[in-house]
PDB file of N, CA and C in Angstrom:
ATOM      1  N   UNK A   1      11.055   5.536   2.531  1.00  0.00           N
ATOM      2  CA  UNK A   1      10.796   6.033   1.197  1.00  0.00           C
ATOM      3  C   UNK A   1       9.329   6.428   1.099  1.00  0.00           C
ATOM      4  N   UNK A   2       9.079   7.438   0.385  1.00  0.00           N
ATOM      5  CA  UNK A   2       7.735   7.941   0.164  1.00  0.00           C
ATOM      6  C   UNK A   2       6.942   6.955  -0.693  1.00  0.00           C
ATOM      7  N   UNK A   3       5.693   6.732  -0.335  1.00  0.00           N
ATOM      8  CA  UNK A   3       4.837   5.800  -1.066  1.00  0.00           C
ATOM      9  C   UNK A   3       4.680   6.212  -2.533  1.00  0.00           C
ATOM     10  N   UNK A   4       4.521   7.498  -2.776  1.00  0.00           N
ATOM     11  CA  UNK A   4       4.346   7.987  -4.151  1.00  0.00           C
ATOM     12  C   UNK A   4       5.621   7.780  -4.969  1.00  0.00           C
ATOM     13  N   UNK A   5       6.759   8.074  -4.385  1.00  0.00           N
ATOM     14  CA  UNK A   5       8.027   7.881  -5.106  1.00  0.00           C
ATOM     15  C   UNK A   5       8.267   6.409  -5.407  1.00  0.00           C
ATOM     16  N   UNK A   6       7.944   5.555  -4.462  1.00  0.00           N
ATOM     17  CA  UNK A   6       8.112   4.118  -4.688  1.00  0.00           C
ATOM     18  C   UNK A   6       7.178   3.637  -5.794  1.00  0.00           C
ATOM     19  N   UNK A   7       5.948   4.145  -5.816  1.00  0.00           N
ATOM     20  CA  UNK A   7       4.998   3.766  -6.865  1.00  0.00           C
ATOM     21  C   UNK A   7       5.490   4.258  -8.229  1.00  0.00           C
ATOM     22  N   UNK A   8       6.064   5.450  -8.278  1.00  0.00           N
ATOM     23  CA  UNK A   8       6.625   5.969  -9.531  1.00  0.00           C
ATOM     24  C   UNK A   8       7.772   5.088 -10.009  1.00  0.00           C
ATOM     25  N   UNK A   9       8.635   4.703  -9.091  1.00  0.00           N
ATOM     26  CA  UNK A   9       9.762   3.837  -9.449  1.00  0.00           C
ATOM     27  C   UNK A   9       9.256   2.484  -9.940  1.00  0.00           C
ATOM     28  N   UNK A  10       8.247   1.941  -9.287  1.00  0.00           N
ATOM     29  CA  UNK A  10       7.670   0.655  -9.692  1.00  0.00           C
ATOM     30  C   UNK A  10       7.107   0.753 -11.113  1.00  0.00           C
ATOM     31  N   UNK A  11       6.391   1.830 -11.379  1.00  0.00           N
ATOM     32  CA  UNK A  11       5.821   2.026 -12.720  1.00  0.00           C
ATOM     33  C   UNK A  11       6.928   2.112 -13.763  1.00  0.00           C
ATOM     34  N   UNK A  12       7.946   2.899 -13.474  1.00  0.00           N
ATOM     35  CA  UNK A  12       9.044   3.082 -14.420  1.00  0.00           C
ATOM     36  C   UNK A  12       9.775   1.767 -14.681  1.00  0.00           C
ATOM     37  N   UNK A  13      10.017   0.994 -13.635  1.00  0.00           N
ATOM     38  CA  UNK A  13      10.701  -0.286 -13.799  1.00  0.00           C
ATOM     39  C   UNK A  13       9.890  -1.284 -14.616  1.00  0.00           C
ATOM     40  N   UNK A  14       8.584  -1.067 -14.683  1.00  0.00           N
ATOM     41  CA  UNK A  14       7.713  -1.946 -15.461  1.00  0.00           C
ATOM     42  C   UNK A  14       7.309  -1.321 -16.797  1.00  0.00           C
ATOM     43  N   UNK A  15       8.045  -0.296 -17.230  1.00  0.00           N
ATOM     44  CA  UNK A  15       7.845   0.297 -18.547  1.00  0.00           C
ATOM     45  C   UNK A  15       6.608   1.165 -18.679  1.00  0.00           C
ATOM     46  N   UNK A  16       6.072   1.617 -17.579  1.00  0.00           N
ATOM     47  CA  UNK A  16       4.899   2.485 -17.633  1.00  0.00           C
ATOM     48  C   UNK A  16       5.333   3.942 -17.533  1.00  0.00           C
ATOM     49  N   UNK A  17       4.596   4.812 -18.204  1.00  0.00           N
ATOM     50  CA  UNK A  17       4.906   6.244 -18.151  1.00  0.00           C
ATOM     51  C   UNK A  17       3.976   6.977 -17.192  1.00  0.00           C
ATOM     52  N   UNK A  18       3.109   6.257 -16.523  1.00  0.00           N
ATOM     53  CA  UNK A  18       2.188   6.834 -15.551  1.00  0.00           C
ATOM     54  C   UNK A  18       2.122   5.917 -14.337  1.00  0.00           C
ATOM     55  N   UNK A  19       1.636   6.456 -13.238  1.00  0.00           N
ATOM     56  CA  UNK A  19       1.484   5.671 -12.006  1.00  0.00           C
ATOM     57  C   UNK A  19       0.006   5.347 -11.835  1.00  0.00           C
ATOM     58  N   UNK A  20      -0.288   4.094 -11.634  1.00  0.00           N
ATOM     59  CA  UNK A  20      -1.667   3.670 -11.401  1.00  0.00           C
ATOM     60  C   UNK A  20      -1.830   3.098 -10.007  1.00  0.00           C
ATOM     61  N   UNK A  21      -3.057   2.826  -9.669  1.00  0.00           N
ATOM     62  CA  UNK A  21      -3.359   2.254  -8.347  1.00  0.00           C
ATOM     63  C   UNK A  21      -2.643   0.930  -8.126  1.00  0.00           C
ATOM     64  N   UNK A  22      -2.459   0.177  -9.202  1.00  0.00           N
ATOM     65  CA  UNK A  22      -1.785  -1.119  -9.057  1.00  0.00           C
ATOM     66  C   UNK A  22      -0.331  -0.940  -8.626  1.00  0.00           C
ATOM     67  N   UNK A  23       0.304   0.157  -9.054  1.00  0.00           N
ATOM     68  CA  UNK A  23       1.678   0.424  -8.636  1.00  0.00           C
ATOM     69  C   UNK A  23       1.745   0.755  -7.152  1.00  0.00           C
ATOM     70  N   UNK A  24       0.799   1.551  -6.687  1.00  0.00           N
ATOM     71  CA  UNK A  24       0.739   1.892  -5.261  1.00  0.00           C
ATOM     72  C   UNK A  24       0.497   0.627  -4.441  1.00  0.00           C
ATOM     73  N   UNK A  25      -0.424  -0.217  -4.898  1.00  0.00           N
ATOM     74  CA  UNK A  25      -0.736  -1.445  -4.173  1.00  0.00           C
ATOM     75  C   UNK A  25       0.472  -2.372  -4.085  1.00  0.00           C
ATOM     76  N   UNK A  26       1.279  -2.419  -5.137  1.00  0.00           N
ATOM     77  CA  UNK A  26       2.454  -3.297  -5.152  1.00  0.00           C
ATOM     78  C   UNK A  26       3.514  -2.895  -4.132  1.00  0.00           C
ATOM     79  N   UNK A  27       3.634  -1.607  -3.859  1.00  0.00           N
ATOM     80  CA  UNK A  27       4.691  -1.154  -2.946  1.00  0.00           C
ATOM     81  C   UNK A  27       4.171  -0.799  -1.555  1.00  0.00           C
ATOM     82  N   UNK A  28       2.859  -0.874  -1.357  1.00  0.00           N
ATOM     83  CA  UNK A  28       2.270  -0.437  -0.091  1.00  0.00           C
ATOM     84  C   UNK A  28       2.707  -1.268   1.117  1.00  0.00           C
ATOM     85  N   UNK A  29       2.722  -2.587   0.986  1.00  0.00           N
ATOM     86  CA  UNK A  29       3.045  -3.426   2.153  1.00  0.00           C
ATOM     87  C   UNK A  29       4.433  -3.152   2.722  1.00  0.00           C
ATOM     88  N   UNK A  30       5.482  -3.206   1.918  1.00  0.00           N
ATOM     89  CA  UNK A  30       6.796  -2.978   2.521  1.00  0.00           C
ATOM     90  C   UNK A  30       6.995  -1.556   3.063  1.00  0.00           C
ATOM     91  N   UNK A  31       6.314  -0.593   2.484  1.00  0.00           N
ATOM     92  CA  UNK A  31       6.473   0.782   2.957  1.00  0.00           C
ATOM     93  C   UNK A  31       5.648   1.043   4.208  1.00  0.00           C
ATOM     94  N   UNK A  32       4.415   0.560   4.232  1.00  0.00           N
ATOM     95  CA  UNK A  32       3.531   0.836   5.354  1.00  0.00           C
ATOM     96  C   UNK A  32       3.777  -0.076   6.553  1.00  0.00           C
ATOM     97  N   UNK A  33       4.474  -1.176   6.352  1.00  0.00           N
ATOM     98  CA  UNK A  33       4.701  -2.176   7.404  1.00  0.00           C
ATOM     99  C   UNK A  33       5.284  -1.555   8.677  1.00  0.00           C
ATOM    100  N   UNK A  34       6.263  -0.713   8.545  1.00  0.00           N
ATOM    101  CA  UNK A  34       6.912  -0.161   9.734  1.00  0.00           C
ATOM    102  C   UNK A  34       6.317   1.176  10.178  1.00  0.00           C
ATOM    103  N   UNK A  35       5.367   1.700   9.422  1.00  0.00           N
ATOM    104  CA  UNK A  35       4.755   2.988   9.780  1.00  0.00           C
ATOM    105  C   UNK A  35       3.438   2.824  10.524  1.00  0.00           C
ATOM    106  N   UNK A  36       2.827   1.679  10.387  1.00  0.00           N
ATOM    107  CA  UNK A  36       1.535   1.431  11.010  1.00  0.00           C
ATOM    108  C   UNK A  36       1.745   0.469  12.175  1.00  0.00           C
ATOM    109  N   UNK A  37       1.410   0.903  13.367  1.00  0.00           N
ATOM    110  CA  UNK A  37       1.599   0.064  14.548  1.00  0.00           C
ATOM    111  C   UNK A  37       0.226  -0.257  15.127  1.00  0.00           C
ATOM    112  N   UNK A  38      -0.163  -1.522  15.090  1.00  0.00           N
ATOM    113  CA  UNK A  38      -1.465  -1.901  15.649  1.00  0.00           C
ATOM    114  C   UNK A  38      -1.518  -1.620  17.152  1.00  0.00           C
ATOM    115  N   UNK A  39      -2.700  -1.221  17.623  1.00  0.00           N
ATOM    116  CA  UNK A  39      -2.843  -0.975  19.053  1.00  0.00           C
ATOM    117  C   UNK A  39      -2.912  -2.310  19.803  1.00  0.00           C
ATOM    118  N   UNK A  40      -3.010  -2.238  21.117  1.00  0.00           N
ATOM    119  CA  UNK A  40      -2.986  -3.450  21.933  1.00  0.00           C
ATOM    120  C   UNK A  40      -4.115  -4.410  21.575  1.00  0.00           C
ATOM    121  N   UNK A  41      -5.312  -3.869  21.339  1.00  0.00           N
ATOM    122  CA  UNK A  41      -6.460  -4.715  21.004  1.00  0.00           C
ATOM    123  C   UNK A  41      -6.209  -5.476  19.713  1.00  0.00           C
ATOM    124  N   UNK A  42      -5.721  -4.784  18.694  1.00  0.00           N
ATOM    125  CA  UNK A  42      -5.431  -5.444  17.417  1.00  0.00           C
ATOM    126  C   UNK A  42      -4.350  -6.501  17.593  1.00  0.00           C
ATOM    127  N   UNK A  43      -3.303  -6.171  18.338  1.00  0.00           N
ATOM    128  CA  UNK A  43      -2.222  -7.132  18.564  1.00  0.00           C
ATOM    129  C   UNK A  43      -2.735  -8.372  19.292  1.00  0.00           C
ATOM    130  N   UNK A  44      -3.607  -8.168  20.267  1.00  0.00           N
ATOM    131  CA  UNK A  44      -4.131  -9.317  21.016  1.00  0.00           C
ATOM    132  C   UNK A  44      -5.026 -10.195  20.147  1.00  0.00           C
ATOM    133  N   UNK A  45      -5.592  -9.623  19.093  1.00  0.00           N
ATOM    134  CA  UNK A  45      -6.423 -10.389  18.158  1.00  0.00           C
ATOM    135  C   UNK A  45      -5.609 -10.934  16.985  1.00  0.00           C
ATOM    136  N   UNK A  46      -4.303 -10.709  17.019  1.00  0.00           N
ATOM    137  CA  UNK A  46      -3.427 -11.237  15.972  1.00  0.00           C
ATOM    138  C   UNK A  46      -3.457 -10.447  14.679  1.00  0.00           C
ATOM    139  N   UNK A  47      -3.886  -9.191  14.740  1.00  0.00           N
ATOM    140  CA  UNK A  47      -3.947  -8.348  13.546  1.00  0.00           C
ATOM    141  C   UNK A  47      -2.622  -7.614  13.400  1.00  0.00           C
ATOM    142  N   UNK A  48      -1.997  -7.781  12.235  1.00  0.00           N
ATOM    143  CA  UNK A  48      -0.699  -7.146  11.983  1.00  0.00           C
ATOM    144  C   UNK A  48      -0.870  -5.891  11.128  1.00  0.00           C
ATOM    145  N   UNK A  49       0.201  -5.145  11.001  1.00  0.00           N
ATOM    146  CA  UNK A  49       0.162  -3.960  10.140  1.00  0.00           C
ATOM    147  C   UNK A  49      -0.078  -4.353   8.689  1.00  0.00           C
ATOM    148  N   UNK A  50       0.414  -5.523   8.277  1.00  0.00           N
ATOM    149  CA  UNK A  50       0.146  -6.008   6.916  1.00  0.00           C
ATOM    150  C   UNK A  50      -1.344  -6.269   6.718  1.00  0.00           C
ATOM    151  N   UNK A  51      -2.000  -6.832   7.740  1.00  0.00           N
ATOM    152  CA  UNK A  51      -3.445  -7.074   7.653  1.00  0.00           C
ATOM    153  C   UNK A  51      -4.211  -5.766   7.475  1.00  0.00           C
ATOM    154  N   UNK A  52      -3.807  -4.753   8.213  1.00  0.00           N
ATOM    155  CA  UNK A  52      -4.465  -3.446   8.130  1.00  0.00           C
ATOM    156  C   UNK A  52      -4.253  -2.839   6.743  1.00  0.00           C
ATOM    157  N   UNK A  53      -3.031  -2.901   6.247  1.00  0.00           N
ATOM    158  CA  UNK A  53      -2.734  -2.346   4.924  1.00  0.00           C
ATOM    159  C   UNK A  53      -3.508  -3.080   3.841  1.00  0.00           C
ATOM    160  N   UNK A  54      -3.566  -4.397   3.921  1.00  0.00           N
ATOM    161  CA  UNK A  54      -4.335  -5.168   2.927  1.00  0.00           C
ATOM    162  C   UNK A  54      -5.812  -4.787   2.945  1.00  0.00           C
ATOM    163  N   UNK A  55      -6.347  -4.589   4.145  1.00  0.00           N
ATOM    164  CA  UNK A  55      -7.757  -4.207   4.234  1.00  0.00           C
ATOM    165  C   UNK A  55      -7.979  -2.818   3.645  1.00  0.00           C
ATOM    166  N   UNK A  56      -7.076  -1.897   3.913  1.00  0.00           N
ATOM    167  CA  UNK A  56      -7.186  -0.558   3.326  1.00  0.00           C
ATOM    168  C   UNK A  56      -7.146  -0.617   1.808  1.00  0.00           C
ATOM    169  N   UNK A  57      -6.222  -1.404   1.268  1.00  0.00           N
ATOM    170  CA  UNK A  57      -6.114  -1.522  -0.189  1.00  0.00           C
ATOM    171  C   UNK A  57      -7.375  -2.137  -0.788  1.00  0.00           C
ATOM    172  N   UNK A  58      -7.984  -3.047  -0.058  1.00  0.00           N
ATOM    173  CA  UNK A  58      -9.204  -3.689  -0.533  1.00  0.00           C
ATOM    174  C   UNK A  58     -10.375  -2.706  -0.528  1.00  0.00           C
ATOM    175  N   UNK A  59     -10.424  -1.845   0.475  1.00  0.00           N
ATOM    176  CA  UNK A  59     -11.535  -0.906   0.629  1.00  0.00           C
ATOM    177  C   UNK A  59     -11.450   0.305  -0.305  1.00  0.00           C
ATOM    178  N   UNK A  60     -10.233   0.730  -0.625  1.00  0.00           N
ATOM    179  CA  UNK A  60     -10.057   1.918  -1.466  1.00  0.00           C
ATOM    180  C   UNK A  60     -10.196   1.501  -2.922  1.00  0.00           C
ATOM    181  N   UNK A  61     -11.083   2.138  -3.610  1.00  0.00           N
ATOM    182  CA  UNK A  61     -11.341   1.822  -5.019  1.00  0.00           C
ATOM    183  C   UNK A  61     -10.726   2.894  -5.910  1.00  0.00           C
ATOM    184  N   UNK A  62     -10.173   2.492  -7.072  1.00  0.00           N
ATOM    185  CA  UNK A  62      -9.648   3.493  -8.007  1.00  0.00           C
ATOM    186  C   UNK A  62     -10.770   4.386  -8.534  1.00  0.00           C
ATOM    187  N   UNK A  63     -10.405   5.608  -8.888  1.00  0.00           N
ATOM    188  CA  UNK A  63     -11.400   6.516  -9.458  1.00  0.00           C
ATOM    189  C   UNK A  63     -11.800   6.037 -10.843  1.00  0.00           C
ATOM    190  N   UNK A  64     -12.867   6.578 -11.378  1.00  0.00           N
ATOM    191  CA  UNK A  64     -13.361   6.152 -12.686  1.00  0.00           C
ATOM    192  C   UNK A  64     -12.406   6.502 -13.806  1.00  0.00           C
ATOM    193  N   UNK A  65     -11.470   7.419 -13.551  1.00  0.00           N
ATOM    194  CA  UNK A  65     -10.491   7.809 -14.557  1.00  0.00           C
ATOM    195  C   UNK A  65      -9.461   6.739 -14.848  1.00  0.00           C
ATOM    196  N   UNK A  66      -9.342   5.737 -13.982  1.00  0.00           N
ATOM    197  CA  UNK A  66      -8.342   4.684 -14.181  1.00  0.00           C
ATOM    198  C   UNK A  66      -8.965   3.414 -14.689  1.00  0.00           C
TER     199      UNK A  66
END
């Protein structure tokens, strides 16, 4: 499923008429889990795709409009 479509569905299910960064963050882990494959170095250090996604979500900041 597309990340944007999942975020839209999440927003709608929670009574929102717009999609915010929090909606994307809520659906990011299950969607990105199987799309991001850590390389050998990351795997040997115990870094999972969930760890990478969490770090990305932490680093990306919402725009001032939100």
